[in-house]
Amino acid sequence: MTAIESIISTINHNLKSVSHHVEYPNKPGLYAFVLAPNSNLKNFGSGNQIIYVGKAEDSLRKRDLNTHFKDGRTGHSTLRRSIGAVLKNELKAVAFSRNGTLNRPNIDNYKFNTNAEAELSDWMKKKLRIGYWEYNQAIEKKSLRDIEVELIIALKPTLDLDKQTARFNKNATSLSELRKTCKNEAKKNVLENIAYF
């Protein structure tokens, strides 16, 4: 078994819904989000398909539980921005600048209206499973980032827009377009002085 196959095996072994992760590690590592059985994300996946792979440089618990699954954290989670862009109509999501300014990072890292943020969190808790692999710097010869790139190439998550690996994702262009729609809306809302709600 290769090192990447071993990591995939560990992630699969830990795979469960967020509500069933009782002891989620407070250590660095990699994680994968998978659609639960009988779930779908339109053209971006159906049950048991891997949709996202990411890394937590400090704490898996902090990154996964306190960012990806928290209302109001879309501006800090590319996973939330991507799922929200795909489900924009269903969530009745309106995109806003992360901090209300036209500063490009705050437009690119948009957030959604309060109701859509809550519905997005609820959808993720019901429709996604998450598995993880803990990184041990004393043992690993490669950096966490190098391992993440290898894992993304091996698993081909459907929501991958990473600059190094997006070329392996046949959905990258359509996902980028959906996210561009949200960015344009966030910019428009700043220019038209539409208040966050």
C-alpha atoms as a PDB file:
ATOM      1  CA  MET A   1       0.000   0.000   0.000  1.00  0.00           C
ATOM      2  CA  THR A   2       1.393   3.418  -0.979  1.00  0.00           C
ATOM      3  CA  ALA A   3       1.483   6.356   1.432  1.00  0.00           C
ATOM      4  CA  ILE A   4      -1.469   8.024  -0.357  1.00  0.00           C
ATOM      5  CA  GLU A   5      -3.484   4.794  -0.332  1.00  0.00           C
ATOM      6  CA  SER A   6      -2.840   4.558   3.420  1.00  0.00           C
ATOM      7  CA  ILE A   7      -4.074   8.128   3.928  1.00  0.00           C
ATOM      8  CA  ILE A   8      -7.207   7.426   1.864  1.00  0.00           C
ATOM      9  CA  SER A   9      -7.825   4.295   3.928  1.00  0.00           C
ATOM     10  CA  THR A  10      -7.547   6.312   7.165  1.00  0.00           C
ATOM     11  CA  ILE A  11      -9.915   8.992   5.861  1.00  0.00           C
ATOM     12  CA  ASN A  12     -12.445   6.327   4.838  1.00  0.00           C
ATOM     13  CA  HIS A  13     -12.133   4.657   8.245  1.00  0.00           C
ATOM     14  CA  ASN A  14     -12.958   7.980   9.986  1.00  0.00           C
ATOM     15  CA  LEU A  15     -15.725   8.949   7.556  1.00  0.00           C
ATOM     16  CA  LYS A  16     -19.010   9.935   9.228  1.00  0.00           C
ATOM     17  CA  SER A  17     -21.423  12.837   9.581  1.00  0.00           C
ATOM     18  CA  VAL A  18     -20.173  15.768  11.624  1.00  0.00           C
ATOM     19  CA  SER A  19     -22.698  15.075  14.393  1.00  0.00           C
ATOM     20  CA  HIS A  20     -21.192  11.597  14.888  1.00  0.00           C
ATOM     21  CA  HIS A  21     -17.589  12.839  15.272  1.00  0.00           C
ATOM     22  CA  VAL A  22     -17.297  12.835  19.060  1.00  0.00           C
ATOM     23  CA  GLU A  23     -13.517  13.168  19.387  1.00  0.00           C
ATOM     24  CA  TYR A  24     -12.360  15.249  16.454  1.00  0.00           C
ATOM     25  CA  PRO A  25      -8.588  15.864  16.600  1.00  0.00           C
ATOM     26  CA  ASN A  26      -7.047  19.185  17.560  1.00  0.00           C
ATOM     27  CA  LYS A  27      -4.005  18.435  15.374  1.00  0.00           C
ATOM     28  CA  PRO A  28      -2.890  19.316  11.837  1.00  0.00           C
ATOM     29  CA  GLY A  29      -3.964  17.051   9.008  1.00  0.00           C
ATOM     30  CA  LEU A  30      -5.970  16.483   5.860  1.00  0.00           C
ATOM     31  CA  TYR A  31      -9.704  15.995   5.497  1.00  0.00           C
ATOM     32  CA  ALA A  32     -12.183  14.983   2.809  1.00  0.00           C
ATOM     33  CA  PHE A  33     -15.861  15.800   2.437  1.00  0.00           C
ATOM     34  CA  VAL A  34     -18.039  13.116   0.848  1.00  0.00           C
ATOM     35  CA  LEU A  35     -21.697  13.286  -0.130  1.00  0.00           C
ATOM     36  CA  ALA A  36     -23.814  11.058   2.103  1.00  0.00           C
ATOM     37  CA  PRO A  37     -25.632   8.129   0.467  1.00  0.00           C
ATOM     38  CA  ASN A  38     -28.763   9.266  -1.406  1.00  0.00           C
ATOM     39  CA  SER A  39     -27.463  12.872  -1.470  1.00  0.00           C
ATOM     40  CA  ASN A  40     -26.575  14.882  -4.528  1.00  0.00           C
ATOM     41  CA  LEU A  41     -25.044  18.199  -5.434  1.00  0.00           C
ATOM     42  CA  LYS A  42     -26.441  18.571  -8.924  1.00  0.00           C
ATOM     43  CA  ASN A  43     -23.677  18.164 -11.540  1.00  0.00           C
ATOM     44  CA  PHE A  44     -21.040  18.147  -8.803  1.00  0.00           C
ATOM     45  CA  GLY A  45     -21.689  14.743  -7.339  1.00  0.00           C
ATOM     46  CA  SER A  46     -24.024  12.100  -5.964  1.00  0.00           C
ATOM     47  CA  GLY A  47     -24.006   9.745  -2.981  1.00  0.00           C
ATOM     48  CA  ASN A  48     -20.588   8.628  -1.684  1.00  0.00           C
ATOM     49  CA  GLN A  49     -18.695  10.928  -4.060  1.00  0.00           C
ATOM     50  CA  ILE A  50     -15.762  12.979  -2.764  1.00  0.00           C
ATOM     51  CA  ILE A  51     -16.424  16.668  -3.322  1.00  0.00           C
ATOM     52  CA  TYR A  52     -13.662  18.417  -1.392  1.00  0.00           C
ATOM     53  CA  VAL A  53     -10.216  17.809   0.086  1.00  0.00           C
ATOM     54  CA  GLY A  54      -8.441  20.296   2.319  1.00  0.00           C
ATOM     55  CA  LYS A  55      -5.728  20.766   4.889  1.00  0.00           C
ATOM     56  CA  ALA A  56      -5.668  22.086   8.434  1.00  0.00           C
ATOM     57  CA  GLU A  57      -2.224  23.411   9.279  1.00  0.00           C
ATOM     58  CA  ASP A  58      -2.984  23.975  12.972  1.00  0.00           C
ATOM     59  CA  SER A  59      -6.115  22.094  14.007  1.00  0.00           C
ATOM     60  CA  LEU A  60      -8.538  19.823  12.163  1.00  0.00           C
ATOM     61  CA  ARG A  61     -11.193  20.591  14.766  1.00  0.00           C
ATOM     62  CA  LYS A  62     -10.835  24.350  14.385  1.00  0.00           C
ATOM     63  CA  ARG A  63     -10.808  24.256  10.579  1.00  0.00           C
ATOM     64  CA  ASP A  64     -13.569  21.731  10.010  1.00  0.00           C
ATOM     65  CA  LEU A  65     -15.970  22.161  12.900  1.00  0.00           C
ATOM     66  CA  ASN A  66     -15.479  25.861  13.626  1.00  0.00           C
ATOM     67  CA  THR A  67     -15.254  27.137  10.055  1.00  0.00           C
ATOM     68  CA  HIS A  68     -16.871  24.843   7.498  1.00  0.00           C
ATOM     69  CA  PHE A  69     -19.961  24.044   9.566  1.00  0.00           C
ATOM     70  CA  LYS A  70     -20.554  27.456  11.185  1.00  0.00           C
ATOM     71  CA  ASP A  71     -23.173  29.956  10.047  1.00  0.00           C
ATOM     72  CA  GLY A  72     -21.610  33.224   8.956  1.00  0.00           C
ATOM     73  CA  ARG A  73     -18.234  31.632   8.148  1.00  0.00           C
ATOM     74  CA  THR A  74     -18.707  31.377   4.375  1.00  0.00           C
ATOM     75  CA  GLY A  75     -16.251  34.223   3.841  1.00  0.00           C
ATOM     76  CA  HIS A  76     -13.595  31.999   5.434  1.00  0.00           C
ATOM     77  CA  SER A  77     -14.524  28.666   3.822  1.00  0.00           C
ATOM     78  CA  THR A  78     -14.060  27.933   0.124  1.00  0.00           C
ATOM     79  CA  LEU A  79     -16.139  24.779   0.636  1.00  0.00           C
ATOM     80  CA  ARG A  80     -19.120  26.817   1.874  1.00  0.00           C
ATOM     81  CA  ARG A  81     -18.720  29.331  -0.960  1.00  0.00           C
ATOM     82  CA  SER A  82     -18.694  26.558  -3.556  1.00  0.00           C
ATOM     83  CA  ILE A  83     -21.679  24.629  -2.174  1.00  0.00           C
ATOM     84  CA  GLY A  84     -23.575  27.893  -1.700  1.00  0.00           C
ATOM     85  CA  ALA A  85     -22.846  28.895  -5.297  1.00  0.00           C
ATOM     86  CA  VAL A  86     -24.115  25.520  -6.586  1.00  0.00           C
ATOM     87  CA  LEU A  87     -27.263  25.670  -4.409  1.00  0.00           C
ATOM     88  CA  LYS A  88     -27.766  29.444  -4.678  1.00  0.00           C
ATOM     89  CA  ASN A  89     -31.342  29.256  -5.981  1.00  0.00           C
ATOM     90  CA  GLU A  90     -32.448  26.507  -3.587  1.00  0.00           C
ATOM     91  CA  LEU A  91     -31.012  28.379  -0.595  1.00  0.00           C
ATOM     92  CA  LYS A  92     -32.349  31.728  -1.837  1.00  0.00           C
ATOM     93  CA  ALA A  93     -28.813  32.909  -1.218  1.00  0.00           C
ATOM     94  CA  VAL A  94     -27.774  36.506  -1.764  1.00  0.00           C
ATOM     95  CA  ALA A  95     -24.033  37.129  -1.902  1.00  0.00           C
ATOM     96  CA  PHE A  96     -22.379  39.995  -0.024  1.00  0.00           C
ATOM     97  CA  SER A  97     -18.834  41.229   0.411  1.00  0.00           C
ATOM     98  CA  ARG A  98     -17.228  39.542   3.423  1.00  0.00           C
ATOM     99  CA  ASN A  99     -16.834  42.882   5.199  1.00  0.00           C
ATOM    100  CA  GLY A 100     -18.987  45.215   3.106  1.00  0.00           C
ATOM    101  CA  THR A 101     -16.167  46.758   1.060  1.00  0.00           C
ATOM    102  CA  LEU A 102     -15.093  46.512  -2.583  1.00  0.00           C
ATOM    103  CA  ASN A 103     -11.685  45.214  -1.525  1.00  0.00           C
ATOM    104  CA  ARG A 104     -11.077  42.298  -3.920  1.00  0.00           C
ATOM    105  CA  PRO A 105     -10.336  39.630  -1.253  1.00  0.00           C
ATOM    106  CA  ASN A 106     -13.624  40.526   0.457  1.00  0.00           C
ATOM    107  CA  ILE A 107     -15.574  40.246  -2.801  1.00  0.00           C
ATOM    108  CA  ASP A 108     -13.808  36.997  -3.769  1.00  0.00           C
ATOM    109  CA  ASN A 109     -14.459  35.612  -0.260  1.00  0.00           C
ATOM    110  CA  TYR A 110     -18.132  36.510  -0.269  1.00  0.00           C
ATOM    111  CA  LYS A 111     -20.689  35.472   2.340  1.00  0.00           C
ATOM    112  CA  PHE A 112     -24.441  34.920   2.116  1.00  0.00           C
ATOM    113  CA  ASN A 113     -27.483  36.470   3.772  1.00  0.00           C
ATOM    114  CA  THR A 114     -28.250  35.204   7.289  1.00  0.00           C
ATOM    115  CA  ASN A 115     -31.047  32.782   6.338  1.00  0.00           C
ATOM    116  CA  ALA A 116     -29.000  31.230   3.533  1.00  0.00           C
ATOM    117  CA  GLU A 117     -25.998  30.831   5.861  1.00  0.00           C
ATOM    118  CA  ALA A 118     -28.172  28.870   8.316  1.00  0.00           C
ATOM    119  CA  GLU A 119     -29.722  26.732   5.562  1.00  0.00           C
ATOM    120  CA  LEU A 120     -26.306  26.055   4.069  1.00  0.00           C
ATOM    121  CA  SER A 121     -25.001  24.834   7.447  1.00  0.00           C
ATOM    122  CA  ASP A 122     -28.076  22.643   7.859  1.00  0.00           C
ATOM    123  CA  TRP A 123     -27.665  21.160   4.362  1.00  0.00           C
ATOM    124  CA  MET A 124     -23.992  20.391   5.025  1.00  0.00           C
ATOM    125  CA  LYS A 125     -24.702  18.727   8.373  1.00  0.00           C
ATOM    126  CA  LYS A 126     -27.374  16.508   6.787  1.00  0.00           C
ATOM    127  CA  LYS A 127     -25.835  15.787   3.391  1.00  0.00           C
ATOM    128  CA  LEU A 128     -22.085  15.513   4.021  1.00  0.00           C
ATOM    129  CA  ARG A 129     -19.746  13.103   5.747  1.00  0.00           C
ATOM    130  CA  ILE A 130     -16.206  13.994   6.694  1.00  0.00           C
ATOM    131  CA  GLY A 131     -13.100  11.909   7.232  1.00  0.00           C
ATOM    132  CA  TYR A 132      -9.639  12.955   8.318  1.00  0.00           C
ATOM    133  CA  TRP A 133      -5.980  11.962   8.544  1.00  0.00           C
ATOM    134  CA  GLU A 134      -3.690  13.378  11.236  1.00  0.00           C
ATOM    135  CA  TYR A 135      -0.337  14.778  10.113  1.00  0.00           C
ATOM    136  CA  ASN A 136       2.721  13.919  12.177  1.00  0.00           C
ATOM    137  CA  GLN A 137       5.633  16.163  11.187  1.00  0.00           C
ATOM    138  CA  ALA A 138       8.093  13.993  13.083  1.00  0.00           C
ATOM    139  CA  ILE A 139       7.211  11.009  10.876  1.00  0.00           C
ATOM    140  CA  GLU A 140       6.226  12.535   7.533  1.00  0.00           C
ATOM    141  CA  LYS A 141       9.017  13.360   5.112  1.00  0.00           C
ATOM    142  CA  LYS A 142       6.803  15.503   2.889  1.00  0.00           C
ATOM    143  CA  SER A 143       5.120  18.762   3.822  1.00  0.00           C
ATOM    144  CA  LEU A 144       1.397  18.754   4.511  1.00  0.00           C
ATOM    145  CA  ARG A 145       0.846  20.828   1.364  1.00  0.00           C
ATOM    146  CA  ASP A 146       2.718  18.326  -0.818  1.00  0.00           C
ATOM    147  CA  ILE A 147       0.635  15.479   0.567  1.00  0.00           C
ATOM    148  CA  GLU A 148      -2.570  17.493   0.053  1.00  0.00           C
ATOM    149  CA  VAL A 149      -1.744  18.005  -3.640  1.00  0.00           C
ATOM    150  CA  GLU A 150      -1.087  14.263  -4.092  1.00  0.00           C
ATOM    151  CA  LEU A 151      -4.353  13.431  -2.351  1.00  0.00           C
ATOM    152  CA  ILE A 152      -6.379  15.854  -4.487  1.00  0.00           C
ATOM    153  CA  ILE A 153      -4.875  14.394  -7.670  1.00  0.00           C
ATOM    154  CA  ALA A 154      -5.682  10.867  -6.477  1.00  0.00           C
ATOM    155  CA  LEU A 155      -9.259  11.592  -5.346  1.00  0.00           C
ATOM    156  CA  LYS A 156     -10.294  14.259  -7.900  1.00  0.00           C
ATOM    157  CA  PRO A 157     -12.845  16.084  -5.700  1.00  0.00           C
ATOM    158  CA  THR A 158     -15.570  17.755  -7.742  1.00  0.00           C
ATOM    159  CA  LEU A 159     -15.318  21.138  -5.965  1.00  0.00           C
ATOM    160  CA  ASP A 160     -11.546  21.461  -6.364  1.00  0.00           C
ATOM    161  CA  LEU A 161     -10.368  24.876  -7.570  1.00  0.00           C
ATOM    162  CA  ASP A 162      -6.818  24.663  -6.219  1.00  0.00           C
ATOM    163  CA  LYS A 163      -4.412  26.427  -8.601  1.00  0.00           C
ATOM    164  CA  GLN A 164      -2.110  23.391  -8.720  1.00  0.00           C
ATOM    165  CA  THR A 165      -4.775  20.754  -9.244  1.00  0.00           C
ATOM    166  CA  ALA A 166      -7.901  22.341 -10.776  1.00  0.00           C
ATOM    167  CA  ARG A 167      -6.808  21.138 -14.231  1.00  0.00           C
ATOM    168  CA  PHE A 168      -7.679  17.611 -13.085  1.00  0.00           C
ATOM    169  CA  ASN A 169     -11.255  18.671 -12.229  1.00  0.00           C
ATOM    170  CA  LYS A 170     -13.671  18.537 -15.167  1.00  0.00           C
ATOM    171  CA  ASN A 171     -16.097  20.646 -13.110  1.00  0.00           C
ATOM    172  CA  ALA A 172     -13.663  23.482 -12.391  1.00  0.00           C
ATOM    173  CA  THR A 173     -14.831  25.819 -15.166  1.00  0.00           C
ATOM    174  CA  SER A 174     -18.543  25.510 -14.383  1.00  0.00           C
ATOM    175  CA  LEU A 175     -17.885  25.906 -10.638  1.00  0.00           C
ATOM    176  CA  SER A 176     -15.775  29.003 -11.274  1.00  0.00           C
ATOM    177  CA  GLU A 177     -18.654  30.486 -13.287  1.00  0.00           C
ATOM    178  CA  LEU A 178     -21.142  29.858 -10.470  1.00  0.00           C
ATOM    179  CA  ARG A 179     -18.773  31.463  -7.984  1.00  0.00           C
ATOM    180  CA  LYS A 180     -18.233  34.394 -10.362  1.00  0.00           C
ATOM    181  CA  THR A 181     -21.989  35.023 -10.301  1.00  0.00           C
ATOM    182  CA  CYS A 182     -21.792  35.298  -6.507  1.00  0.00           C
ATOM    183  CA  LYS A 183     -18.776  37.619  -6.658  1.00  0.00           C
ATOM    184  CA  ASN A 184     -20.558  39.887  -9.151  1.00  0.00           C
ATOM    185  CA  GLU A 185     -23.629  39.991  -6.926  1.00  0.00           C
ATOM    186  CA  ALA A 186     -21.510  40.813  -3.867  1.00  0.00           C
ATOM    187  CA  LYS A 187     -19.863  43.671  -5.770  1.00  0.00           C
ATOM    188  CA  LYS A 188     -23.228  44.963  -7.015  1.00  0.00           C
ATOM    189  CA  ASN A 189     -24.614  44.941  -3.476  1.00  0.00           C
ATOM    190  CA  VAL A 190     -21.726  47.098  -2.262  1.00  0.00           C
ATOM    191  CA  LEU A 191     -22.089  49.520  -5.188  1.00  0.00           C
ATOM    192  CA  GLU A 192     -25.843  49.801  -4.699  1.00  0.00           C
ATOM    193  CA  ASN A 193     -25.429  50.104  -0.929  1.00  0.00           C
ATOM    194  CA  ILE A 194     -27.700  47.125  -0.246  1.00  0.00           C
ATOM    195  CA  ALA A 195     -27.444  46.234   3.424  1.00  0.00           C
ATOM    196  CA  TYR A 196     -26.591  42.753   4.614  1.00  0.00           C
ATOM    197  CA  PHE A 197     -29.637  40.882   5.892  1.00  0.00           C
END
